[in-house]
Each structure stands twice: as structure tokens, then as C-alpha cells.
Amino acid sequence: MAGRPPINDPNDVEAIQKKIDHYFAAADEDNPVGFAGLAYALGYASRQSVYEVATAGHPISLPIKRALLSIEADYERTLRGKYPTGSIFALKNRGWSDKQEIEHSGGISIVVDSEDADL
């Protein structure tokens, strides 16, 4: 028994690129690009579906990855604006982080002084 056919032909790069181009061309100040909007424009029912197709290794994965990166770049540009909170939230959901992580290497040694040993 076969599963449901894919929403987009995984090999039809031209068709997916046409949908992506149409989505970006229709964007404006009142209707900006976004991850959910891209998913909807490509015919998917969730953002997760877009991410799954982008990482599946199909020929259409590359144009979808580039579209996602373009949206991410748009959010990145707005970080320099007066109200970047929404962009920060969106980018954190894409794996960005605003915390600094420091990795320590080496061990910890404890030296016991003979005076301390009596305590």
C-alpha cells in the first residue's frame, strides 16, 4: 500500500522555485515574508513539513533551504531596527541564541592543606 503522494514533486526544482519566487514577489510591508507564510505558499500544512522537506536531500531541498535562509536574513536585518523583539523570537525558534556558552576543558583538582585536614 502506497502512502499519500507528496505535496510537491521532490524532483521538480522549477515548480518549487516558481512557488517560492511568487511568494517573495507578493511580499510587502503589510504582508512580510515569514516561515509559516512560506509553508502555506508551498502547499504544506505546517512549518515542520517545510523543514522536513528542506533536510530530506531531495532536489527541491536546496531552493527551500535558500528560501528559509532568505527569510532568516530578513529577520536578521530587522534586528538593527527600533523594535527587534519579534525578530529575536523568530530567530531563536530557528536555533539562534542570545546567550554565551563557555566550554571549560581540563579537570578540577582539590588540594588539601594539612591545616585543613584537621577541620
C-alpha atoms as a PDB file:
ATOM      1  CA  MET A   1       0.000   0.000   0.000  1.00  0.00           C
ATOM      2  CA  ALA A   2       1.457   3.342  -1.014  1.00  0.00           C
ATOM      3  CA  GLY A   3       1.304   6.469   1.111  1.00  0.00           C
ATOM      4  CA  ARG A   4      -0.169   9.780   0.141  1.00  0.00           C
ATOM      5  CA  PRO A   5       1.726  11.382  -2.749  1.00  0.00           C
ATOM      6  CA  PRO A   6       3.985  14.303  -1.810  1.00  0.00           C
ATOM      7  CA  ILE A   7       2.505  17.789  -1.980  1.00  0.00           C
ATOM      8  CA  ASN A   8       5.355  18.890  -4.221  1.00  0.00           C
ATOM      9  CA  ASP A   9       7.263  16.633  -6.603  1.00  0.00           C
ATOM     10  CA  PRO A  10      10.600  16.159  -4.815  1.00  0.00           C
ATOM     11  CA  ASN A  11      12.415  16.347  -8.161  1.00  0.00           C
ATOM     12  CA  ASP A  12      10.645  19.357  -9.704  1.00  0.00           C
ATOM     13  CA  VAL A  13      13.007  22.174  -8.779  1.00  0.00           C
ATOM     14  CA  GLU A  14      11.497  24.509 -11.366  1.00  0.00           C
ATOM     15  CA  ALA A  15       7.962  24.198  -9.956  1.00  0.00           C
ATOM     16  CA  ILE A  16       9.030  24.732  -6.337  1.00  0.00           C
ATOM     17  CA  GLN A  17      11.229  27.683  -7.327  1.00  0.00           C
ATOM     18  CA  LYS A  18       8.258  29.244  -9.136  1.00  0.00           C
ATOM     19  CA  LYS A  19       6.144  28.963  -5.950  1.00  0.00           C
ATOM     20  CA  ILE A  20       8.976  30.434  -3.861  1.00  0.00           C
ATOM     21  CA  ASP A  21       9.508  33.324  -6.278  1.00  0.00           C
ATOM     22  CA  HIS A  22       5.770  34.063  -6.318  1.00  0.00           C
ATOM     23  CA  TYR A  23       5.671  34.108  -2.504  1.00  0.00           C
ATOM     24  CA  PHE A  24       8.578  36.550  -2.213  1.00  0.00           C
ATOM     25  CA  ALA A  25       7.273  38.752  -5.035  1.00  0.00           C
ATOM     26  CA  ALA A  26       3.900  39.105  -3.284  1.00  0.00           C
ATOM     27  CA  ALA A  27       5.506  40.209  -0.004  1.00  0.00           C
ATOM     28  CA  ASP A  28       5.310  43.841   1.051  1.00  0.00           C
ATOM     29  CA  GLU A  29       5.263  45.931   4.216  1.00  0.00           C
ATOM     30  CA  ASP A  30       1.729  44.817   5.085  1.00  0.00           C
ATOM     31  CA  ASN A  31       2.403  41.189   4.164  1.00  0.00           C
ATOM     32  CA  PRO A  32       6.040  40.419   5.058  1.00  0.00           C
ATOM     33  CA  VAL A  33       7.730  37.088   4.465  1.00  0.00           C
ATOM     34  CA  GLY A  34       7.767  34.519   7.243  1.00  0.00           C
ATOM     35  CA  PHE A  35       8.290  30.816   7.833  1.00  0.00           C
ATOM     36  CA  ALA A  36       4.585  29.965   8.188  1.00  0.00           C
ATOM     37  CA  GLY A  37       3.721  32.045   5.123  1.00  0.00           C
ATOM     38  CA  LEU A  38       6.305  30.180   3.064  1.00  0.00           C
ATOM     39  CA  ALA A  39       4.910  26.832   4.244  1.00  0.00           C
ATOM     40  CA  TYR A  40       1.407  27.903   3.245  1.00  0.00           C
ATOM     41  CA  ALA A  41       2.559  29.222  -0.149  1.00  0.00           C
ATOM     42  CA  LEU A  42       4.286  25.924  -0.904  1.00  0.00           C
ATOM     43  CA  GLY A  43       1.148  23.967  -0.017  1.00  0.00           C
ATOM     44  CA  TYR A  44       2.287  22.484   3.281  1.00  0.00           C
ATOM     45  CA  ALA A  45       0.139  22.300   6.402  1.00  0.00           C
ATOM     46  CA  SER A  46       2.929  23.204   8.839  1.00  0.00           C
ATOM     47  CA  ARG A  47       6.320  24.858   9.131  1.00  0.00           C
ATOM     48  CA  GLN A  48       7.671  21.498  10.280  1.00  0.00           C
ATOM     49  CA  SER A  49       6.762  19.963   6.912  1.00  0.00           C
ATOM     50  CA  VAL A  50       8.876  22.593   5.154  1.00  0.00           C
ATOM     51  CA  TYR A  51      11.831  21.893   7.461  1.00  0.00           C
ATOM     52  CA  GLU A  52      11.482  18.147   6.845  1.00  0.00           C
ATOM     53  CA  VAL A  53      11.494  18.593   3.063  1.00  0.00           C
ATOM     54  CA  ALA A  54      14.421  21.024   3.322  1.00  0.00           C
ATOM     55  CA  THR A  55      16.518  18.386   5.093  1.00  0.00           C
ATOM     56  CA  ALA A  56      15.303  15.352   3.119  1.00  0.00           C
ATOM     57  CA  GLY A  57      18.012  15.600   0.476  1.00  0.00           C
ATOM     58  CA  HIS A  58      15.605  15.872  -2.476  1.00  0.00           C
ATOM     59  CA  PRO A  59      16.430  18.130  -5.409  1.00  0.00           C
ATOM     60  CA  ILE A  60      13.785  20.617  -4.125  1.00  0.00           C
ATOM     61  CA  SER A  61      15.537  20.753  -0.736  1.00  0.00           C
ATOM     62  CA  LEU A  62      18.127  23.321  -1.880  1.00  0.00           C
ATOM     63  CA  PRO A  63      15.688  26.008  -3.116  1.00  0.00           C
ATOM     64  CA  ILE A  64      13.616  25.545   0.038  1.00  0.00           C
ATOM     65  CA  LYS A  65      16.725  25.903   2.232  1.00  0.00           C
ATOM     66  CA  ARG A  66      17.643  29.066   0.361  1.00  0.00           C
ATOM     67  CA  ALA A  67      14.122  30.457   0.846  1.00  0.00           C
ATOM     68  CA  LEU A  68      14.295  29.723   4.582  1.00  0.00           C
ATOM     69  CA  LEU A  69      17.695  31.405   4.735  1.00  0.00           C
ATOM     70  CA  SER A  70      16.326  34.445   2.904  1.00  0.00           C
ATOM     71  CA  ILE A  71      13.557  34.784   5.500  1.00  0.00           C
ATOM     72  CA  GLU A  72      16.115  34.380   8.277  1.00  0.00           C
ATOM     73  CA  ALA A  73      18.257  37.101   6.678  1.00  0.00           C
ATOM     74  CA  ASP A  74      15.205  39.371   6.585  1.00  0.00           C
ATOM     75  CA  TYR A  75      14.684  38.857  10.321  1.00  0.00           C
ATOM     76  CA  GLU A  76      18.393  39.462  10.893  1.00  0.00           C
ATOM     77  CA  ARG A  77      18.207  42.816   9.091  1.00  0.00           C
ATOM     78  CA  THR A  78      15.366  43.936  11.358  1.00  0.00           C
ATOM     79  CA  LEU A  79      17.481  43.291  14.466  1.00  0.00           C
ATOM     80  CA  ARG A  80      19.028  46.723  13.896  1.00  0.00           C
ATOM     81  CA  GLY A  81      15.627  48.404  13.992  1.00  0.00           C
ATOM     82  CA  LYS A  82      13.890  50.147  16.828  1.00  0.00           C
ATOM     83  CA  TYR A  83      11.753  47.137  17.881  1.00  0.00           C
ATOM     84  CA  PRO A  84      13.654  43.879  17.226  1.00  0.00           C
ATOM     85  CA  THR A  85      11.728  41.717  19.725  1.00  0.00           C
ATOM     86  CA  GLY A  86       9.689  39.828  17.130  1.00  0.00           C
ATOM     87  CA  SER A  87      12.770  39.104  15.056  1.00  0.00           C
ATOM     88  CA  ILE A  88      14.655  37.886  18.120  1.00  0.00           C
ATOM     89  CA  PHE A  89      11.803  35.495  18.900  1.00  0.00           C
ATOM     90  CA  ALA A  90      11.650  34.196  15.314  1.00  0.00           C
ATOM     91  CA  LEU A  91      15.415  33.697  15.116  1.00  0.00           C
ATOM     92  CA  LYS A  92      15.528  31.878  18.463  1.00  0.00           C
ATOM     93  CA  ASN A  93      12.973  29.455  17.052  1.00  0.00           C
ATOM     94  CA  ARG A  94      15.414  28.849  14.188  1.00  0.00           C
ATOM     95  CA  GLY A  95      18.217  27.910  16.580  1.00  0.00           C
ATOM     96  CA  TRP A  96      19.780  31.304  17.205  1.00  0.00           C
ATOM     97  CA  SER A  97      20.850  32.026  20.760  1.00  0.00           C
ATOM     98  CA  ASP A  98      21.460  35.216  22.700  1.00  0.00           C
ATOM     99  CA  LYS A  99      23.376  33.578  25.490  1.00  0.00           C
ATOM    100  CA  GLN A 100      27.068  32.993  25.576  1.00  0.00           C
ATOM    101  CA  GLU A 101      28.094  29.431  26.227  1.00  0.00           C
ATOM    102  CA  ILE A 102      31.568  28.831  27.570  1.00  0.00           C
ATOM    103  CA  GLU A 103      33.053  25.386  27.377  1.00  0.00           C
ATOM    104  CA  HIS A 104      35.609  24.514  30.011  1.00  0.00           C
ATOM    105  CA  SER A 105      38.265  21.921  29.490  1.00  0.00           C
ATOM    106  CA  GLY A 106      40.621  20.307  31.914  1.00  0.00           C
ATOM    107  CA  GLY A 107      39.994  18.856  35.276  1.00  0.00           C
ATOM    108  CA  ILE A 108      39.435  20.115  38.757  1.00  0.00           C
ATOM    109  CA  SER A 109      42.000  19.378  41.400  1.00  0.00           C
ATOM    110  CA  ILE A 110      41.440  19.719  45.093  1.00  0.00           C
ATOM    111  CA  VAL A 111      44.448  20.366  47.242  1.00  0.00           C
ATOM    112  CA  VAL A 112      44.028  19.583  50.906  1.00  0.00           C
ATOM    113  CA  ASP A 113      46.314  21.536  53.165  1.00  0.00           C
ATOM    114  CA  SER A 114      47.446  19.745  56.308  1.00  0.00           C
ATOM    115  CA  GLU A 115      45.823  22.512  58.395  1.00  0.00           C
ATOM    116  CA  ASP A 116      42.510  21.952  56.606  1.00  0.00           C
ATOM    117  CA  ALA A 117      42.705  18.200  57.185  1.00  0.00           C
ATOM    118  CA  ASP A 118      42.317  18.710  60.943  1.00  0.00           C
ATOM    119  CA  LEU A 119      38.977  20.507  60.486  1.00  0.00           C
END
